Amino acid sequence: MFKCVLSLTLAASLGGCSKSSNIEGESRVSASGGSAIRGSVIVGAECGASSARIHLSGVYGAQSFYNLTVNSGGTFDFQVNPGRYSLAAYAGNCTVNSEVSTQTNSVMNYQICLGSNCTRIASGATIYNSFSKLTETTAETSLMGPTCQWNLYGCAGWMYPGWGDANLGKANIYFSTKEDVALTLDLDFSKGNNALAAIPSLGKTGWNGLLRKNGNLEFASETLDGSRSPKKVSLSSLFYEAQINSKLLQFEHGFCEPKKKALSSMVEYLRLSGFTKKPIEDFETQLKDNLPSAETLCIYPQNQNIIETIVSYRTPLKMESHRVWFLVIPRMESALLKTRPIPQKFTQWFNVPKVNAIAELKKAPESRAIASEPAALVEEWGVGFLLER
């Protein structure tokens, strides 16, 4: 373990790979030689906010890879290829940023503190006073949440570790239960698929917290000295991103819509699939400004049977799960295709879906109810894109 002093305090640990997608360490690393950036966030009251926007980009800020909100006391982790990046945090009137470097098969641990009362932590490394006034441009930038750095037909893939050729972004997991229950939940990826990001951090054993009967989740709060606070971090859902093998996805059932209508059609699909109000409202809010710029988008829903072949839940909790992902593909103009042909392995995705998935679902809409106690109802949605290398 070594420690460095930056405007963001960090400690890094190195470890070897194991199995398909994890290393034995404080976080997860892709078996392809990637690295993990794991962090905790502390936001002082004087910042005027209870959460921070964490932004990871290229070292000069030109390419944005992750832009996610973490509550004060909460944790996160990002998976990246080894290299140099810019890590910034914004919380109300406070901001802090630093250049960070990652190494092969490493776990980089950061403690981000925003506010005027950031002090020396138990390890002796200094956390700098990070209190400052955001400029209008910086504040505006901090609120932007690109799903990925967009290229011609998919996300820029050079910084994502792993073998998959598609990126599952903004996956959210929601819970409903009749009583408070301890939650232990891990994500089990099949070969060729791996985690890219998570809030809270997945760590070695996945998520461990308390599920309240109102659907909120509570997790232990991080403190400056590394101890656990009696305060809890409350979340309405769990979040993760993943890199997946597109060969495991279906490309025959879907629908193509003008961009202005695509989001409402996905919302309708969730409604027909039996999703409840909260997940649907969050989906609409989070995706309204995050779809690629194209006149027409083709959307291929992936049902739970397909999802389970890629990533399954590992938990002792008896629960009923309901999961839907959307793979979104922009329709390319012929002029662009002549300039930059689509790789042969992806050509199947640029054909019009053979079956209209919404019309098919309307014939037999699904419904869901909370299973018998002490089970929980789990609802997950996610949006995916192809990766360009």
Protein backbone atom coordinates (compact mmCIF):
# COMPACT_ATOMS: atom_id res chain seq x y z
CA MET A 1 0.00 0.00 0.00
CA PHE A 2 1.38 3.43 -0.88
CA LYS A 3 -0.05 6.88 -0.32
CA CYS A 4 0.22 10.14 -2.21
CA VAL A 5 -0.96 13.65 -1.42
CA LEU A 6 -3.27 15.34 -3.92
CA SER A 7 -6.23 17.66 -3.78
CA LEU A 8 -8.05 14.33 -3.61
CA THR A 9 -6.50 12.02 -1.03
CA LEU A 10 -5.64 8.61 -2.45
CA ALA A 11 -4.20 5.28 -1.47
CA ALA A 12 -3.59 2.52 -4.01
CA SER A 13 -3.28 -1.23 -3.59
CA LEU A 14 -2.08 -3.74 -6.16
CA GLY A 15 -3.35 -7.28 -6.58
CA GLY A 16 -3.47 -10.16 -9.04
CA CYS A 17 -6.42 -11.30 -11.14
CA SER A 18 -8.79 -14.07 -10.18
CA LYS A 19 -11.54 -15.88 -12.10
CA SER A 20 -13.27 -13.89 -14.83
CA SER A 21 -13.91 -10.37 -13.60
CA ASN A 22 -12.66 -9.71 -10.09
CA ILE A 23 -9.44 -9.45 -8.13
CA GLU A 24 -9.03 -10.01 -4.42
CA GLY A 25 -8.87 -6.45 -3.22
CA GLU A 26 -11.00 -3.58 -2.01
CA SER A 27 -12.81 -3.27 -5.32
CA ARG A 28 -13.16 -5.05 -8.66
CA VAL A 29 -10.94 -5.01 -11.69
CA SER A 30 -11.52 -6.49 -15.11
CA ALA A 31 -9.46 -9.59 -15.83
CA SER A 32 -8.18 -7.91 -19.01
CA GLY A 33 -5.70 -5.85 -16.97
CA GLY A 34 -7.84 -2.86 -16.10
CA SER A 35 -7.88 -0.95 -12.85
CA ALA A 36 -10.47 0.28 -10.37
CA ILE A 37 -10.96 3.79 -9.04
CA ARG A 38 -12.82 3.46 -5.76
CA GLY A 39 -13.81 6.45 -3.65
CA SER A 40 -15.78 7.79 -0.74
CA VAL A 41 -17.32 11.26 -0.61
CA ILE A 42 -17.67 13.72 2.29
CA VAL A 43 -19.59 16.99 1.72
CA GLY A 44 -19.50 19.75 4.36
CA ALA A 45 -22.67 21.63 5.30
CA GLU A 46 -21.18 24.92 4.12
CA CYS A 47 -21.20 23.60 0.53
CA GLY A 48 -24.99 23.89 0.53
CA ALA A 49 -25.48 20.37 -0.84
CA SER A 50 -25.91 16.84 0.49
CA SER A 51 -24.35 15.08 -2.49
CA ALA A 52 -21.53 15.54 -4.99
CA ARG A 53 -21.34 15.09 -8.73
CA ILE A 54 -18.30 12.91 -9.50
CA HIS A 55 -16.88 13.45 -12.97
CA LEU A 56 -14.18 11.27 -14.55
CA SER A 57 -12.85 12.44 -17.89
CA GLY A 58 -9.76 12.37 -20.10
CA VAL A 59 -6.82 14.10 -18.51
CA TYR A 60 -7.53 17.29 -20.46
CA GLY A 61 -11.29 17.05 -19.94
CA ALA A 62 -12.08 16.46 -23.62
CA GLN A 63 -13.75 13.08 -23.15
CA SER A 64 -16.26 12.40 -20.38
CA PHE A 65 -16.64 8.81 -19.18
CA TYR A 66 -18.52 8.88 -15.87
CA ASN A 67 -20.66 11.68 -14.44
CA LEU A 68 -22.57 10.38 -11.43
CA THR A 69 -24.09 11.68 -8.20
CA VAL A 70 -22.92 10.28 -4.85
CA ASN A 71 -24.49 11.22 -1.50
CA SER A 72 -22.24 12.52 1.27
CA GLY A 73 -20.82 9.56 3.15
CA GLY A 74 -21.39 7.30 0.16
CA THR A 75 -19.01 5.32 -2.03
CA PHE A 76 -18.48 4.63 -5.73
CA ASP A 77 -16.21 2.66 -8.01
CA PHE A 78 -15.22 3.03 -11.66
CA GLN A 79 -13.41 0.51 -13.85
CA VAL A 80 -10.92 1.97 -16.33
CA ASN A 81 -7.99 0.96 -18.48
CA PRO A 82 -4.60 2.03 -17.12
CA GLY A 83 -3.85 5.67 -17.94
CA ARG A 84 -4.17 9.29 -16.84
CA TYR A 85 -7.56 10.83 -16.05
CA SER A 86 -9.12 13.93 -14.52
CA LEU A 87 -11.28 13.28 -11.44
CA ALA A 88 -13.47 16.15 -10.25
CA ALA A 89 -16.19 16.59 -7.65
CA TYR A 90 -18.85 19.32 -7.48
CA ALA A 91 -21.17 19.95 -4.53
CA GLY A 92 -23.09 23.23 -4.32
CA ASN A 93 -20.48 25.95 -3.75
CA CYS A 94 -17.61 23.49 -3.42
CA THR A 95 -15.43 21.89 -6.04
CA VAL A 96 -12.21 19.89 -6.12
CA ASN A 97 -10.35 18.22 -8.97
CA SER A 98 -7.10 16.44 -9.66
CA GLU A 99 -5.27 14.42 -12.27
CA VAL A 100 -5.19 10.71 -11.38
CA SER A 101 -3.19 7.83 -12.82
CA THR A 102 -4.09 4.15 -12.81
CA GLN A 103 -1.92 1.08 -13.24
CA THR A 104 -2.59 -2.42 -14.50
CA ASN A 105 -4.54 -4.58 -12.04
CA SER A 106 -4.60 -1.84 -9.40
CA VAL A 107 -7.25 -0.60 -7.00
CA MET A 108 -6.97 3.16 -6.40
CA ASN A 109 -8.74 4.34 -3.24
CA TYR A 110 -9.73 8.00 -3.06
CA GLN A 111 -11.35 9.98 -0.28
CA ILE A 112 -12.97 13.10 -1.71
CA CYS A 113 -13.70 15.82 0.83
CA LEU A 114 -15.48 19.05 -0.06
CA GLY A 115 -15.82 21.91 2.42
CA SER A 116 -13.73 24.07 4.75
CA ASN A 117 -13.46 21.51 7.57
CA CYS A 118 -11.57 18.76 5.75
CA THR A 119 -8.87 17.60 8.14
CA ARG A 120 -6.06 15.13 8.40
CA ILE A 121 -7.23 11.50 8.26
CA ALA A 122 -5.98 8.65 10.43
CA SER A 123 -3.43 7.45 7.87
CA GLY A 124 -1.70 10.83 8.00
CA ALA A 125 -2.34 11.82 4.39
CA THR A 126 -3.61 15.38 3.99
CA ILE A 127 -7.00 16.24 2.55
CA TYR A 128 -6.78 19.75 1.18
CA ASN A 129 -9.34 22.42 1.98
CA SER A 130 -11.49 22.19 -1.14
CA PHE A 131 -13.93 25.03 -0.49
CA SER A 132 -14.39 27.32 -3.48
CA LYS A 133 -17.10 29.09 -5.45
CA LEU A 134 -18.19 27.37 -8.63
CA THR A 135 -18.14 29.44 -11.78
CA GLU A 136 -21.27 29.41 -13.91
CA THR A 137 -19.55 27.28 -16.55
CA THR A 138 -18.28 24.76 -14.03
CA ALA A 139 -21.65 24.42 -12.35
CA GLU A 140 -23.30 23.92 -15.71
CA THR A 141 -20.78 21.27 -16.67
CA SER A 142 -21.21 19.44 -13.37
CA LEU A 143 -24.90 18.90 -14.04
CA MET A 144 -24.36 17.34 -17.44
CA GLY A 145 -24.56 13.55 -17.40
CA PRO A 146 -23.52 11.98 -20.69
CA THR A 147 -24.20 8.26 -20.81
CA CYS A 148 -20.88 7.87 -22.61
CA GLN A 149 -18.46 9.70 -24.90
CA TRP A 150 -20.37 9.33 -28.18
CA ASN A 151 -18.74 8.49 -31.51
CA LEU A 152 -20.48 7.59 -34.80
CA TYR A 153 -22.76 4.72 -33.78
CA GLY A 154 -21.69 3.95 -30.21
CA CYS A 155 -19.59 4.85 -27.18
CA ALA A 156 -15.85 5.47 -27.30
CA GLY A 157 -14.47 2.23 -25.92
CA TRP A 158 -10.79 2.79 -25.36
CA MET A 159 -10.96 3.48 -21.62
CA TYR A 160 -13.36 0.67 -20.67
CA PRO A 161 -11.62 -2.56 -19.58
CA GLY A 162 -12.94 -5.98 -20.51
CA TRP A 163 -13.89 -7.92 -23.63
CA GLY A 164 -17.50 -6.92 -24.21
CA ASP A 165 -18.43 -4.82 -27.25
CA ALA A 166 -21.48 -3.11 -25.73
CA ASN A 167 -21.87 -0.74 -22.80
CA LEU A 168 -24.80 -1.06 -20.39
CA GLY A 169 -25.24 2.39 -18.89
CA LYS A 170 -27.38 3.86 -16.12
CA ALA A 171 -28.68 0.53 -14.81
CA ASN A 172 -30.84 1.19 -11.76
CA ILE A 173 -32.23 -1.39 -9.30
CA TYR A 174 -35.32 -0.60 -7.20
CA PHE A 175 -36.86 -2.54 -4.31
CA SER A 176 -40.30 -2.96 -2.75
CA THR A 177 -40.89 -4.99 0.39
CA LYS A 178 -43.49 -5.39 3.13
CA GLU A 179 -40.99 -5.11 5.99
CA ASP A 180 -37.47 -3.89 6.76
CA VAL A 181 -34.93 -6.52 5.78
CA ALA A 182 -31.14 -6.85 5.62
CA LEU A 183 -29.88 -6.64 2.05
CA THR A 184 -26.89 -8.56 0.72
CA LEU A 185 -26.71 -8.45 -3.06
CA ASP A 186 -23.85 -9.13 -5.46
CA LEU A 187 -23.67 -9.10 -9.26
CA ASP A 188 -22.45 -12.33 -10.85
CA PHE A 189 -21.11 -11.75 -14.38
CA SER A 190 -20.72 -14.54 -16.92
CA LYS A 191 -17.48 -14.84 -18.88
CA GLY A 192 -16.85 -11.94 -21.25
CA ASN A 193 -18.92 -9.47 -19.22
CA ASN A 194 -17.79 -7.26 -16.35
CA ALA A 195 -18.74 -4.39 -14.07
CA LEU A 196 -17.76 -0.84 -15.08
CA ALA A 197 -19.18 1.30 -12.27
CA ALA A 198 -21.29 1.06 -9.14
CA ILE A 199 -22.90 3.27 -6.47
CA PRO A 200 -22.36 2.32 -3.68
CA SER A 201 -19.06 0.55 -4.36
CA LEU A 202 -19.46 -3.18 -4.92
CA GLY A 203 -16.25 -3.95 -3.05
CA LYS A 204 -15.39 -7.62 -2.61
CA THR A 205 -18.77 -8.86 -1.45
CA GLY A 206 -21.28 -6.68 -3.29
CA TRP A 207 -23.80 -4.38 -1.64
CA ASN A 208 -24.56 -4.81 2.07
CA GLY A 209 -27.15 -2.59 3.72
CA LEU A 210 -30.71 -2.33 4.98
CA LEU A 211 -33.81 -2.37 2.81
CA ARG A 212 -36.65 -0.34 4.30
CA LYS A 213 -40.30 -1.13 3.68
CA ASN A 214 -40.66 2.29 1.98
CA GLY A 215 -38.25 1.05 -0.71
CA ASN A 216 -35.26 3.13 0.42
CA LEU A 217 -31.86 1.55 1.00
CA GLU A 218 -29.51 2.45 3.86
CA PHE A 219 -25.76 1.94 3.90
CA ALA A 220 -23.02 2.70 6.41
CA SER A 221 -21.62 6.22 6.01
CA GLU A 222 -17.90 6.78 5.38
CA THR A 223 -16.00 9.24 7.62
CA LEU A 224 -12.72 11.13 7.24
CA ASP A 225 -10.80 8.78 9.51
CA GLY A 226 -12.09 5.71 7.71
CA SER A 227 -14.40 4.58 10.52
CA ARG A 228 -18.11 3.87 10.17
CA SER A 229 -20.44 6.68 11.16
CA PRO A 230 -23.75 6.09 13.01
CA LYS A 231 -25.27 8.19 10.23
CA LYS A 232 -26.61 6.28 7.24
CA VAL A 233 -26.54 7.02 3.54
CA SER A 234 -30.06 6.67 2.14
CA LEU A 235 -30.64 5.80 -1.53
CA SER A 236 -33.76 5.18 -3.56
CA SER A 237 -32.00 2.68 -5.86
CA LEU A 238 -28.73 0.91 -6.60
CA PHE A 239 -26.69 1.85 -9.65
CA TYR A 240 -24.21 0.02 -11.88
CA GLU A 241 -22.79 0.00 -15.39
CA ALA A 242 -21.36 -2.98 -17.26
CA GLN A 243 -19.50 -4.03 -20.36
CA ILE A 244 -21.31 -6.86 -22.11
CA ASN A 245 -20.95 -9.21 -25.07
CA SER A 246 -23.46 -8.12 -27.74
CA LYS A 247 -23.66 -11.69 -29.07
CA LEU A 248 -25.71 -12.55 -26.00
CA LEU A 249 -28.36 -9.92 -26.86
CA GLN A 250 -31.37 -10.30 -29.15
CA PHE A 251 -31.75 -8.11 -32.26
CA GLU A 252 -35.02 -9.28 -33.85
CA HIS A 253 -37.61 -7.77 -31.48
CA GLY A 254 -37.58 -3.98 -31.21
CA PHE A 255 -38.92 -0.70 -32.56
CA CYS A 256 -37.51 2.23 -34.53
CA GLU A 257 -38.71 5.73 -33.71
CA PRO A 258 -37.80 9.38 -34.35
CA LYS A 259 -35.57 10.53 -31.51
CA LYS A 260 -38.34 12.77 -30.08
CA LYS A 261 -40.63 9.75 -29.70
CA ALA A 262 -38.06 7.10 -28.75
CA LEU A 263 -38.04 7.90 -25.03
CA SER A 264 -41.83 7.86 -24.70
CA SER A 265 -41.91 4.50 -26.50
CA MET A 266 -39.39 3.04 -24.06
CA VAL A 267 -41.47 4.40 -21.18
CA GLU A 268 -44.54 2.72 -22.67
CA TYR A 269 -42.64 -0.55 -22.93
CA LEU A 270 -41.74 -0.38 -19.22
CA ARG A 271 -45.36 0.37 -18.35
CA LEU A 272 -46.63 -2.56 -20.41
CA SER A 273 -43.97 -4.73 -18.78
CA GLY A 274 -45.48 -4.07 -15.37
CA PHE A 275 -42.93 -1.64 -13.93
CA THR A 276 -44.17 0.54 -11.07
CA LYS A 277 -44.38 4.34 -10.99
CA LYS A 278 -41.05 5.23 -9.34
CA PRO A 279 -38.71 3.33 -11.72
CA ILE A 280 -40.61 4.65 -14.74
CA GLU A 281 -40.42 8.27 -13.55
CA ASP A 282 -36.69 7.95 -12.85
CA PHE A 283 -36.10 6.39 -16.26
CA GLU A 284 -37.80 9.28 -18.03
CA THR A 285 -35.91 11.89 -15.98
CA GLN A 286 -32.48 10.33 -16.41
CA LEU A 287 -32.73 9.55 -20.11
CA LYS A 288 -34.42 12.66 -21.46
CA ASP A 289 -31.07 14.35 -22.25
CA ASN A 290 -28.92 11.27 -22.72
CA LEU A 291 -29.95 9.70 -26.00
CA PRO A 292 -27.57 9.95 -28.99
CA SER A 293 -28.10 12.63 -31.63
CA ALA A 294 -29.72 10.89 -34.57
CA GLU A 295 -32.97 11.44 -36.41
CA THR A 296 -34.07 7.85 -35.83
CA LEU A 297 -33.20 5.40 -33.07
CA CYS A 298 -33.80 1.66 -33.09
CA ILE A 299 -34.38 0.15 -29.65
CA TYR A 300 -34.01 -3.55 -28.86
CA PRO A 301 -35.49 -4.52 -25.45
CA GLN A 302 -33.67 -7.32 -23.63
CA ASN A 303 -35.84 -9.34 -21.27
CA GLN A 304 -34.90 -10.99 -18.02
CA ASN A 305 -34.07 -14.38 -19.56
CA ILE A 306 -31.40 -12.73 -21.70
CA ILE A 307 -30.12 -10.51 -18.89
CA GLU A 308 -29.65 -13.51 -16.58
CA THR A 309 -27.19 -15.05 -19.06
CA ILE A 310 -25.04 -11.91 -18.68
CA VAL A 311 -25.36 -10.79 -15.06
CA SER A 312 -27.40 -12.45 -12.34
CA TYR A 313 -28.11 -11.52 -8.74
CA ARG A 314 -26.43 -13.41 -5.94
CA THR A 315 -28.33 -12.93 -2.69
CA PRO A 316 -29.77 -14.93 0.23
CA LEU A 317 -32.87 -12.73 0.06
CA LYS A 318 -35.90 -14.41 -1.44
CA MET A 319 -37.18 -12.02 -4.07
CA GLU A 320 -39.07 -11.65 -7.31
CA SER A 321 -37.07 -9.77 -9.94
CA HIS A 322 -38.18 -7.93 -13.05
CA ARG A 323 -35.44 -6.67 -15.38
CA VAL A 324 -35.42 -4.91 -18.77
CA TRP A 325 -32.53 -3.41 -20.72
CA PHE A 326 -32.78 -1.35 -23.91
CA LEU A 327 -30.01 -1.50 -26.51
CA VAL A 328 -30.18 1.77 -28.47
CA ILE A 329 -28.78 1.96 -32.02
CA PRO A 330 -28.89 5.15 -34.15
CA ARG A 331 -29.87 4.75 -37.80
CA MET A 332 -26.89 5.76 -39.89
CA GLU A 333 -27.04 7.88 -43.05
CA SER A 334 -25.56 6.18 -46.11
CA ALA A 335 -23.04 9.00 -46.56
CA LEU A 336 -21.60 8.35 -43.11
CA LEU A 337 -21.44 4.62 -43.73
CA LYS A 338 -19.36 5.18 -46.86
CA THR A 339 -16.95 7.33 -44.88
CA ARG A 340 -16.71 4.91 -41.98
CA PRO A 341 -18.23 1.46 -42.59
CA ILE A 342 -19.81 -0.39 -39.68
CA PRO A 343 -17.68 -3.42 -38.65
CA GLN A 344 -19.08 -6.67 -40.04
CA LYS A 345 -19.70 -8.08 -36.55
CA PHE A 346 -22.19 -5.27 -35.88
CA THR A 347 -24.14 -5.26 -39.16
CA GLN A 348 -27.03 -7.32 -37.71
CA TRP A 349 -27.84 -4.42 -35.39
CA PHE A 350 -28.46 -2.03 -38.28
CA ASN A 351 -31.31 -3.98 -39.79
CA VAL A 352 -34.88 -2.97 -38.92
CA PRO A 353 -36.26 -5.25 -36.14
CA LYS A 354 -38.34 -8.09 -37.56
CA VAL A 355 -40.95 -7.91 -34.78
CA ASN A 356 -42.39 -4.75 -33.21
CA ALA A 357 -41.70 -5.33 -29.52
CA ILE A 358 -44.33 -2.85 -28.29
CA ALA A 359 -47.11 -4.26 -30.47
CA GLU A 360 -46.11 -7.74 -29.32
CA LEU A 361 -46.25 -6.74 -25.66
CA LYS A 362 -49.62 -5.01 -26.04
CA LYS A 363 -51.14 -8.37 -26.95
CA ALA A 364 -50.16 -9.72 -23.52
CA PRO A 365 -49.06 -6.97 -21.10
CA GLU A 366 -47.30 -8.17 -17.98
CA SER A 367 -48.15 -7.36 -14.38
CA ARG A 368 -46.14 -7.72 -11.21
CA ALA A 369 -47.03 -7.87 -7.52
CA ILE A 370 -44.93 -8.15 -4.39
CA ALA A 371 -44.22 -11.80 -3.70
CA SER A 372 -45.19 -13.49 -0.45
CA GLU A 373 -43.26 -12.34 2.60
CA PRO A 374 -40.47 -12.00 3.44
CA ALA A 375 -39.64 -11.57 -0.25
CA ALA A 376 -39.01 -8.32 -2.09
CA LEU A 377 -39.95 -7.13 -5.55
CA VAL A 378 -36.87 -6.01 -7.49
CA GLU A 379 -37.16 -3.88 -10.63
CA GLU A 380 -34.18 -3.07 -12.86
CA TRP A 381 -33.89 -1.05 -16.03
CA GLY A 382 -30.80 -0.15 -18.06
CA VAL A 383 -29.84 1.42 -21.40
CA GLY A 384 -27.04 0.06 -23.56
CA PHE A 385 -25.01 1.15 -26.56
CA LEU A 386 -22.44 -0.46 -28.81
CA LEU A 387 -18.77 0.27 -28.14
CA GLU A 388 -16.44 1.67 -30.80
CA ARG A 389 -12.78 0.76 -30.44
